[in-house]
């Protein structure tokens, strides 16, 4: 399994806001939510909580208590691109 695939298979727990159990499943839920809610999509609270970015950061090995630059998300971005291409 590639590093990208491993990242998307990483365990994910958002406290029950979704049924996602992996980072990849959570990202799929986000995309579905964006497409179904269109202009009504809330980037701040896509599943009812405002801590979703911290949940995602923790799952991919970043400290959710620290600020992260877009460059620090590049492994996740690369994994998403690889999985979808």
Protein backbone atom coordinates (compact mmCIF):
# COMPACT_ATOMS: atom_id res chain seq x y z
CA UNK A 1 0.00 0.00 0.00
CA UNK A 2 1.37 3.42 -0.93
CA UNK A 3 1.91 6.14 1.66
CA UNK A 4 -0.99 8.05 0.11
CA UNK A 5 -3.33 5.08 0.38
CA UNK A 6 -2.21 4.52 3.98
CA UNK A 7 -3.04 8.11 4.86
CA UNK A 8 -6.57 7.76 3.51
CA UNK A 9 -6.98 4.49 5.42
CA UNK A 10 -5.90 6.11 8.71
CA UNK A 11 -8.41 5.73 11.54
CA UNK A 12 -10.74 8.65 11.97
CA UNK A 13 -13.06 9.58 14.83
CA UNK A 14 -15.15 12.71 14.74
CA UNK A 15 -17.14 11.90 17.83
CA UNK A 16 -20.07 10.44 15.92
CA UNK A 17 -20.91 13.35 13.63
CA UNK A 18 -20.55 10.98 10.66
CA UNK A 19 -20.26 7.24 10.23
CA UNK A 20 -16.75 7.66 8.76
CA UNK A 21 -14.08 5.45 10.28
CA UNK A 22 -11.19 6.44 7.99
CA UNK A 23 -9.81 9.73 6.69
CA UNK A 24 -10.85 8.72 3.15
CA UNK A 25 -14.44 8.02 4.20
CA UNK A 26 -14.60 11.38 5.97
CA UNK A 27 -13.33 13.24 2.92
CA UNK A 28 -15.91 11.41 0.81
CA UNK A 29 -18.62 12.55 3.24
CA UNK A 30 -17.36 16.14 2.96
CA UNK A 31 -17.49 16.06 -0.85
CA UNK A 32 -20.99 14.58 -0.79
CA UNK A 33 -22.09 17.26 1.66
CA UNK A 34 -20.66 20.04 -0.54
CA UNK A 35 -22.43 18.68 -3.61
CA UNK A 36 -25.79 18.12 -1.93
CA UNK A 37 -25.95 21.31 0.13
CA UNK A 38 -24.42 23.59 -2.52
CA UNK A 39 -24.59 27.23 -1.32
CA UNK A 40 -25.94 26.07 2.04
CA UNK A 41 -22.75 24.14 2.82
CA UNK A 42 -21.15 25.29 6.06
CA UNK A 43 -17.38 25.07 5.93
CA UNK A 44 -17.28 26.02 9.58
CA UNK A 45 -19.69 23.29 10.72
CA UNK A 46 -20.20 20.80 7.88
CA UNK A 47 -21.44 18.06 10.22
CA UNK A 48 -22.66 20.17 13.12
CA UNK A 49 -19.39 20.70 14.98
CA UNK A 50 -16.79 23.40 14.52
CA UNK A 51 -13.89 21.13 15.52
CA UNK A 52 -13.84 19.06 12.34
CA UNK A 53 -10.51 20.40 11.12
CA UNK A 54 -8.89 19.41 14.41
CA UNK A 55 -10.41 15.93 14.09
CA UNK A 56 -8.91 15.61 10.61
CA UNK A 57 -5.52 17.01 11.70
CA UNK A 58 -5.32 14.53 14.56
CA UNK A 59 -6.12 11.62 12.21
CA UNK A 60 -3.31 12.56 9.81
CA UNK A 61 -0.74 13.11 12.55
CA UNK A 62 -0.81 16.88 12.99
CA UNK A 63 -1.27 18.53 16.39
CA UNK A 64 -4.80 20.02 16.37
CA UNK A 65 -3.72 22.60 18.96
CA UNK A 66 -1.23 24.24 16.57
CA UNK A 67 -1.70 26.36 13.45
CA UNK A 68 -0.77 24.51 10.26
CA UNK A 69 0.21 25.99 6.92
CA UNK A 70 -1.26 24.61 3.69
CA UNK A 71 2.13 23.00 2.98
CA UNK A 72 1.69 20.77 6.03
CA UNK A 73 -1.46 19.33 4.44
CA UNK A 74 0.36 18.44 1.21
CA UNK A 75 0.63 14.71 2.08
CA UNK A 76 -3.16 14.63 2.46
CA UNK A 77 -3.67 16.63 -0.75
CA UNK A 78 -1.37 14.25 -2.62
CA UNK A 79 -3.24 11.24 -1.23
CA UNK A 80 -6.55 12.67 -2.38
CA UNK A 81 -5.18 13.45 -5.85
CA UNK A 82 -3.70 9.95 -6.15
CA UNK A 83 -6.91 8.26 -5.03
CA UNK A 84 -9.09 10.26 -7.39
CA UNK A 85 -6.93 10.12 -10.51
